[in-house]
Each structure stands twice: as structure tokens, then as C-alpha cells.
C-alpha atoms as a PDB file:
ATOM      1  CA  ASN A   1       2.347  14.818  16.106  1.00  0.00           C
ATOM      2  CA  ASN A   2       4.437  16.140  13.354  1.00  0.00           C
ATOM      3  CA  ILE A   3       6.977  13.563  12.954  1.00  0.00           C
ATOM      4  CA  LYS A   4       9.931  14.581  10.469  1.00  0.00           C
ATOM      5  CA  ILE A   5      12.643  11.639   9.221  1.00  0.00           C
ATOM      6  CA  TYR A   6      15.333  12.735   6.755  1.00  0.00           C
ATOM      7  CA  ASN A   7      17.805  10.467   5.334  1.00  0.00           C
ATOM      8  CA  SER A   8      17.501   7.129   7.320  1.00  0.00           C
ATOM      9  CA  LYS A   9      19.461   4.386   6.287  1.00  0.00           C
ATOM     10  CA  ALA A  10      17.902   1.975   8.841  1.00  0.00           C
ATOM     11  CA  GLU A  11      15.534  -0.738   7.452  1.00  0.00           C
ATOM     12  CA  ASP A  12      12.433   1.062   8.777  1.00  0.00           C
ATOM     13  CA  SER A  13      12.651   4.738   9.344  1.00  0.00           C
ATOM     14  CA  ILE A  14       9.407   4.351  11.602  1.00  0.00           C
ATOM     15  CA  ASN A  15       8.619   0.591  13.160  1.00  0.00           C
ATOM     16  CA  ILE A  16       6.016   0.416  15.605  1.00  0.00           C
ATOM     17  CA  ILE A  17       5.106  -3.109  17.065  1.00  0.00           C
ATOM     18  CA  ASN A  18       1.902  -4.165  18.678  1.00  0.00           C
ATOM     19  CA  SER A  19       0.743  -0.806  19.492  1.00  0.00           C
ATOM     20  CA  ASN A  20      -2.070   1.965  19.723  1.00  0.00           C
ATOM     21  CA  VAL A  21      -1.379   4.744  17.023  1.00  0.00           C
ATOM     22  CA  ASP A  22      -2.764   8.361  16.749  1.00  0.00           C
ATOM     23  CA  ILE A  23      -0.456   9.783  14.824  1.00  0.00           C
ATOM     24  CA  GLU A  24      -0.626  12.772  12.607  1.00  0.00           C
ATOM     25  CA  ASN A  25       1.845  14.845  10.273  1.00  0.00           C
ATOM     26  CA  VAL A  26       4.273  12.152   9.157  1.00  0.00           C
ATOM     27  CA  TYR A  27       6.776  13.404   6.834  1.00  0.00           C
ATOM     28  CA  LEU A  28       9.284  10.964   5.563  1.00  0.00           C
ATOM     29  CA  PHE A  29      12.344  11.834   2.958  1.00  0.00           C
ATOM     30  CA  ASN A  30      14.810  10.030   1.454  1.00  0.00           C
ATOM     31  CA  ALA A  31      14.597   6.530   3.303  1.00  0.00           C
ATOM     32  CA  ALA A  32      16.999   3.605   2.334  1.00  0.00           C
ATOM     33  CA  SER A  33      14.692   1.171   2.614  1.00  0.00           C
ATOM     34  CA  ASP A  34      10.684   1.635   4.062  1.00  0.00           C
ATOM     35  CA  GLY A  35       9.377   4.848   5.701  1.00  0.00           C
ATOM     36  CA  LEU A  36       7.020   3.128   7.852  1.00  0.00           C
ATOM     37  CA  ASP A  37       6.210  -0.596   9.507  1.00  0.00           C
ATOM     38  CA  CYS A  38       3.082  -0.923  11.958  1.00  0.00           C
ATOM     39  CA  ASP A  39       3.072  -4.146  12.834  1.00  0.00           C
ATOM     40  CA  PHE A  40       0.272  -5.174  15.171  1.00  0.00           C
ATOM     41  CA  CYS A  41      -1.566  -1.983  15.767  1.00  0.00           C
ATOM     42  CA  LYS A  42      -4.664  -0.419  15.954  1.00  0.00           C
ATOM     43  CA  GLY A  43      -5.483   3.339  15.370  1.00  0.00           C
ATOM     44  CA  SER A  44      -5.144   6.158  12.884  1.00  0.00           C
ATOM     45  CA  ILE A  45      -2.006   7.816  10.809  1.00  0.00           C
ATOM     46  CA  LEU A  46      -3.355  10.884   9.107  1.00  0.00           C
ATOM     47  CA  ASN A  47      -1.862  12.735   7.045  1.00  0.00           C
ATOM     48  CA  ILE A  48       1.183  11.355   5.588  1.00  0.00           C
ATOM     49  CA  ASN A  49       4.067  12.788   2.961  1.00  0.00           C
ATOM     50  CA  MET A  50       6.626  10.626   1.643  1.00  0.00           C
ATOM     51  CA  GLU A  51       9.242  11.597  -0.933  1.00  0.00           C
ATOM     52  CA  ASN A  52      12.424   9.758  -2.407  1.00  0.00           C
ATOM     53  CA  ILE A  53      11.805   6.105  -0.117  1.00  0.00           C
ATOM     54  CA  GLY A  54      13.769   3.100  -1.345  1.00  0.00           C
ATOM     55  CA  GLY A  55      11.142   0.672  -0.126  1.00  0.00           C
ATOM     56  CA  ASP A  56       7.783   0.770   0.972  1.00  0.00           C
ATOM     57  CA  GLY A  57       6.331   3.534   1.668  1.00  0.00           C
ATOM     58  CA  VAL A  58       3.917   2.081   4.188  1.00  0.00           C
ATOM     59  CA  ASP A  59       4.023  -1.167   5.575  1.00  0.00           C
ATOM     60  CA  PHE A  60       1.277  -2.974   7.611  1.00  0.00           C
ATOM     61  CA  SER A  61       1.130  -6.820   8.729  1.00  0.00           C
ATOM     62  CA  GLY A  62      -1.744  -8.008  11.109  1.00  0.00           C
ATOM     63  CA  SER A  63      -3.184  -4.080  12.046  1.00  0.00           C
ATOM     64  CA  GLU A  64      -6.628  -2.305  11.836  1.00  0.00           C
ATOM     65  CA  LEU A  65      -5.852   1.238  10.817  1.00  0.00           C
ATOM     66  CA  ASN A  66      -7.277   4.090   9.816  1.00  0.00           C
ATOM     67  CA  VAL A  67      -4.995   5.365   6.866  1.00  0.00           C
ATOM     68  CA  TYR A  68      -4.177   8.949   4.795  1.00  0.00           C
ATOM     69  CA  ILE A  69      -1.900   9.384   2.817  1.00  0.00           C
ATOM     70  CA  ALA A  70      -1.716  12.713   1.815  1.00  0.00           C
ATOM     71  CA  SER A  71       1.683  12.622  -0.803  1.00  0.00           C
ATOM     72  CA  ALA A  72       3.706   9.812  -2.430  1.00  0.00           C
ATOM     73  CA  ASN A  73       6.521  10.555  -4.625  1.00  0.00           C
ATOM     74  CA  LYS A  74       9.043   8.578  -5.884  1.00  0.00           C
ATOM     75  CA  ILE A  75       8.626   5.559  -3.710  1.00  0.00           C
ATOM     76  CA  LYS A  76      10.670   2.710  -5.111  1.00  0.00           C
ATOM     77  CA  ASP A  77       7.861  -0.218  -3.791  1.00  0.00           C
ATOM     78  CA  LYS A  78       4.454  -0.084  -2.990  1.00  0.00           C
ATOM     79  CA  VAL A  79       2.916   2.993  -1.573  1.00  0.00           C
ATOM     80  CA  ALA A  80       1.099   1.159   0.857  1.00  0.00           C
ATOM     81  CA  SER A  81       1.880  -2.687   1.714  1.00  0.00           C
ATOM     82  CA  ILE A  82      -1.069  -3.858   2.987  1.00  0.00           C
ATOM     83  CA  GLY A  83      -0.544  -7.472   4.729  1.00  0.00           C
ATOM     84  CA  GLU A  84      -0.747 -10.367   7.179  1.00  0.00           C
ATOM     85  CA  GLU A  85      -4.626 -10.146   7.755  1.00  0.00           C
ATOM     86  CA  THR A  86      -4.702  -5.982   8.082  1.00  0.00           C
ATOM     87  CA  ASN A  87      -7.887  -4.425   8.255  1.00  0.00           C
ATOM     88  CA  ILE A  88      -7.784  -0.858   6.700  1.00  0.00           C
ATOM     89  CA  SER A  89      -9.272   1.945   5.796  1.00  0.00           C
ATOM     90  CA  ILE A  90      -7.279   4.127   3.248  1.00  0.00           C
ATOM     91  CA  LYS A  91      -6.943   6.872   1.318  1.00  0.00           C
ATOM     92  CA  ILE A  92      -4.508   7.578  -0.648  1.00  0.00           C
ATOM     93  CA  LYS A  93      -3.595  10.813  -2.718  1.00  0.00           C
ATOM     94  CA  ASN A  94      -1.227  12.589  -5.170  1.00  0.00           C
ATOM     95  CA  VAL A  95       1.296   9.853  -5.688  1.00  0.00           C
ATOM     96  CA  ASP A  96       3.989  10.508  -8.592  1.00  0.00           C
ATOM     97  CA  ASN A  97       6.955   8.684  -9.956  1.00  0.00           C
ATOM     98  CA  SER A  98       5.970   5.197  -7.881  1.00  0.00           C
ATOM     99  CA  PHE A  99       5.550   1.938  -8.408  1.00  0.00           C
ATOM    100  CA  THR A 100       2.270   0.739  -7.624  1.00  0.00           C
ATOM    101  CA  ALA A 101       0.028   2.578  -4.929  1.00  0.00           C
ATOM    102  CA  ALA A 102      -1.289  -0.151  -3.161  1.00  0.00           C
ATOM    103  CA  ALA A 103      -0.659  -3.832  -2.401  1.00  0.00           C
ATOM    104  CA  ILE A 104      -3.140  -5.968  -0.917  1.00  0.00           C
ATOM    105  CA  LYS A 105      -2.436  -9.435   0.099  1.00  0.00           C
ATOM    106  CA  ASP A 106      -2.164 -12.480   2.599  1.00  0.00           C
ATOM    107  CA  GLY A 107      -5.880 -12.486   4.250  1.00  0.00           C
ATOM    108  CA  SER A 108      -5.843  -8.354   4.282  1.00  0.00           C
ATOM    109  CA  LYS A 109      -9.141  -6.348   3.558  1.00  0.00           C
ATOM    110  CA  ALA A 110      -9.051  -3.229   2.419  1.00  0.00           C
ATOM    111  CA  ASN A 111     -10.876  -0.069   1.742  1.00  0.00           C
ATOM    112  CA  ILE A 112      -9.310   2.234  -0.338  1.00  0.00           C
ATOM    113  CA  VAL A 113     -10.247   5.665  -1.949  1.00  0.00           C
ATOM    114  CA  LEU A 114      -7.366   6.776  -4.515  1.00  0.00           C
ATOM    115  CA  GLU A 115      -7.415  10.325  -5.864  1.00  0.00           C
ATOM    116  CA  ASN A 116      -4.699  12.006  -8.250  1.00  0.00           C
ATOM    117  CA  ILE A 117      -3.008   8.387  -9.111  1.00  0.00           C
ATOM    118  CA  ASN A 118       0.438   8.402 -11.534  1.00  0.00           C
ATOM    119  CA  THR A 119       2.312   5.502 -10.726  1.00  0.00           C
ATOM    120  CA  ASN A 120       4.863   3.251 -13.021  1.00  0.00           C
ATOM    121  CA  GLY A 121       2.998  -0.092 -12.599  1.00  0.00           C
ATOM    122  CA  PRO A 122      -0.211  -1.214 -11.539  1.00  0.00           C
ATOM    123  CA  TYR A 123      -2.596   1.478  -9.413  1.00  0.00           C
ATOM    124  CA  ILE A 124      -3.832  -1.153  -6.487  1.00  0.00           C
ATOM    125  CA  MET A 125      -2.525  -4.981  -7.024  1.00  0.00           C
ATOM    126  CA  ALA A 126      -4.447  -7.665  -4.756  1.00  0.00           C
ATOM    127  CA  TYR A 127      -2.639 -11.397  -4.341  1.00  0.00           C
ATOM    128  CA  ASP A 128      -1.293 -13.833  -1.630  1.00  0.00           C
ATOM    129  CA  LYS A 129       2.427 -13.854  -1.197  1.00  0.00           C
ATOM    130  CA  LYS A 130       2.690 -16.288   1.309  1.00  0.00           C
ATOM    131  CA  GLY A 131      -0.014 -18.648   0.672  1.00  0.00           C
ATOM    132  CA  PHE A 132      -1.153 -19.956   4.490  1.00  0.00           C
ATOM    133  CA  TYR A 133      -3.943 -16.906   5.459  1.00  0.00           C
ATOM    134  CA  GLN A 134      -7.009 -18.314   5.692  1.00  0.00           C
ATOM    135  CA  ASN A 135      -9.026 -15.560   5.388  1.00  0.00           C
ATOM    136  CA  THR A 136      -9.903 -13.971   1.605  1.00  0.00           C
ATOM    137  CA  THR A 137      -7.640 -11.145   0.291  1.00  0.00           C
ATOM    138  CA  PHE A 138     -10.762  -8.624  -0.555  1.00  0.00           C
ATOM    139  CA  ALA A 139      -9.816  -4.585  -1.460  1.00  0.00           C
ATOM    140  CA  ASN A 140     -12.967  -2.367  -2.038  1.00  0.00           C
ATOM    141  CA  VAL A 141     -11.731   0.990  -4.359  1.00  0.00           C
ATOM    142  CA  LYS A 142     -13.359   3.934  -5.129  1.00  0.00           C
ATOM    143  CA  TYR A 143     -11.441   6.121  -7.580  1.00  0.00           C
ATOM    144  CA  ASP A 144     -12.513   8.760 -10.362  1.00  0.00           C
ATOM    145  CA  TYR A 145     -14.866   6.720 -12.846  1.00  0.00           C
ATOM    146  CA  ASP A 146     -13.957   8.300 -15.360  1.00  0.00           C
ATOM    147  CA  LYS A 147     -10.391   7.583 -15.430  1.00  0.00           C
ATOM    148  CA  PHE A 148     -10.918   3.737 -14.190  1.00  0.00           C
ATOM    149  CA  LYS A 149     -13.166   3.497 -17.409  1.00  0.00           C
ATOM    150  CA  SER A 150      -9.785   4.409 -19.736  1.00  0.00           C
ATOM    151  CA  GLU A 151      -7.962   2.752 -17.223  1.00  0.00           C
ATOM    152  CA  ILE A 152      -8.930  -0.695 -15.982  1.00  0.00           C
ATOM    153  CA  PHE A 153      -5.659  -2.237 -16.966  1.00  0.00           C
ATOM    154  CA  LYS A 154      -4.369  -1.086 -13.952  1.00  0.00           C
ATOM    155  CA  TYR A 155      -5.707  -2.994 -11.515  1.00  0.00           C
ATOM    156  CA  VAL A 156      -4.703  -6.577 -10.911  1.00  0.00           C
ATOM    157  CA  ARG A 157      -5.306  -9.287  -8.855  1.00  0.00           C
ATOM    158  CA  SER A 158      -4.659 -13.197  -8.837  1.00  0.00           C
ATOM    159  CA  SER A 159      -7.319 -15.656  -9.221  1.00  0.00           C
ATOM    160  CA  ASN A 160      -7.698 -16.200  -5.320  1.00  0.00           C
ATOM    161  CA  VAL A 161      -8.828 -12.819  -4.117  1.00  0.00           C
ATOM    162  CA  SER A 162     -10.972 -10.608  -4.794  1.00  0.00           C
ATOM    163  CA  LEU A 163     -10.528  -6.904  -6.123  1.00  0.00           C
ATOM    164  CA  LYS A 164     -13.695  -4.125  -6.701  1.00  0.00           C
ATOM    165  CA  VAL A 165     -13.105  -1.058  -8.246  1.00  0.00           C
ATOM    166  CA  ASN A 166     -16.683   1.090  -8.011  1.00  0.00           C
ATOM    167  CA  GLU A 167     -18.191  -1.779  -7.356  1.00  0.00           C
ATOM    168  CA  LEU A 168     -16.954  -3.268 -10.545  1.00  0.00           C
ATOM    169  CA  ASN A 169     -15.424  -6.926 -10.180  1.00  0.00           C
ATOM    170  CA  ILE A 170     -11.996  -6.941 -11.149  1.00  0.00           C
ATOM    171  CA  PRO A 171     -11.213  -9.958 -13.189  1.00  0.00           C
ATOM    172  CA  PRO A 172      -8.617 -12.264 -12.504  1.00  0.00           C
ATOM    173  CA  SER A 173      -4.302 -11.801 -13.948  1.00  0.00           C
ATOM    174  CA  LYS A 174      -1.860 -13.980 -14.089  1.00  0.00           C
ATOM    175  CA  ILE A 175       0.610 -12.326 -11.448  1.00  0.00           C
ATOM    176  CA  ASP A 176       4.061 -13.891 -10.665  1.00  0.00           C
ATOM    177  CA  VAL A 177       5.190 -13.361  -7.224  1.00  0.00           C
ATOM    178  CA  GLN A 178       7.841 -14.762  -6.899  1.00  0.00           C
ATOM    179  CA  ALA A 179       9.132 -12.818 -10.077  1.00  0.00           C
ATOM    180  CA  LEU A 180       8.013  -9.916  -8.365  1.00  0.00           C
ATOM    181  CA  TYR A 181      10.205 -10.413  -5.297  1.00  0.00           C
ATOM    182  CA  LYS A 182      12.791 -11.892  -6.837  1.00  0.00           C
ATOM    183  CA  SER A 183      13.916  -9.720  -9.318  1.00  0.00           C
ATOM    184  CA  GLY A 184      11.213  -7.209 -10.248  1.00  0.00           C
ATOM    185  CA  PRO A 185      10.575  -4.012  -8.299  1.00  0.00           C
ATOM    186  CA  MET A 186       9.614  -5.178  -5.105  1.00  0.00           C
ATOM    187  CA  LYS A 187      13.128  -6.684  -4.854  1.00  0.00           C
ATOM    188  CA  LYS A 188      14.796  -5.791  -1.526  1.00  0.00           C
END
């Protein structure tokens, strides 16, 4: 409870592997790379606040989690990176001046609630990066219906994954995943 990390120069400000987690009140400010990395974890991470993160705000791989992000400002890459067959319920609020609220990829399943989102790129991206996971990547998103109708272009998915927003199937887009990671905003 009440984790505060400032000015981290490490690859991950917090890195948790193969653990049961019950974390509350996380404050991450001025990280050179990712804020919180959870690989093969189960549990909950609630009330995350992040600002000025040089990579992903939170990065999940092979995990089963319930997550609440209370605020994210100036996240260079993804506020939430959800990959490698992660199964997650996540609420993301108060995002500003960040590239994307969430990327769901590589066989992951995500139930997402968005509130007060302002990104420089798409709100949600769903795609397969690695190409060898057998499960279908799936994201189910709930967002303010009136805003969603005027901002449908803020949701993108590749043809081999599923993305629903307010129960509407989002049509596929052409996503050049290699370019995103080689020279785009996701370059490390």
C-alpha cells in the first residue's frame, strides 16, 4: 500500500514476476522507461497514478488481474500494455497527453472501462505483435456513448483480433505493427 517512486532510471520502476499481488495506491513519477511491469501475476492493483513515464505506464504479461488506473499524464507509449495471454479487467481514467490508453495483444482478453480519455493516438489498439499465440486477442470496451459515436476512429484493430466498444464490433484497420515498434511512438 502507498508505493511512491520518483525519478527511476531502471528499465521498470517496479517489476513483479510470478506473484500474487494485492497492491493499492501506486504513484509513479518521472520514470525513464516503464512504470510497473507485472509478469505472470494474479490479483489486483488499484489506484495507480502516473506522470511523465518514458515507456509504458503499466505492462502486463501472462497475468490475471483487476486493475484501476486513476490518472495517467505524459505517458510516452501505452498507458496499459496488455499482452502475452493476459486476462484483465481494467478501468482507466483521466488520461492526458499520452500516446494510447491501452494496447491489447498476443492472445489477451481484456474488459476495459474508459473515463475522461485524451490521447495523442488511438484510445485503444488491438493487434497481435508476436504471431504465435493460439488464443484470439479480444477486448471489450465501455466508454461514454455520445463521445464514442463521434470518436469511433480512436479505436483500431488488426483483422485477426476482436475489439468491441459499447457492444459494437470495430472494423479492422491496417496496422503496421513492425513500424510502430521500429520507428513509431512505441520504439524503445
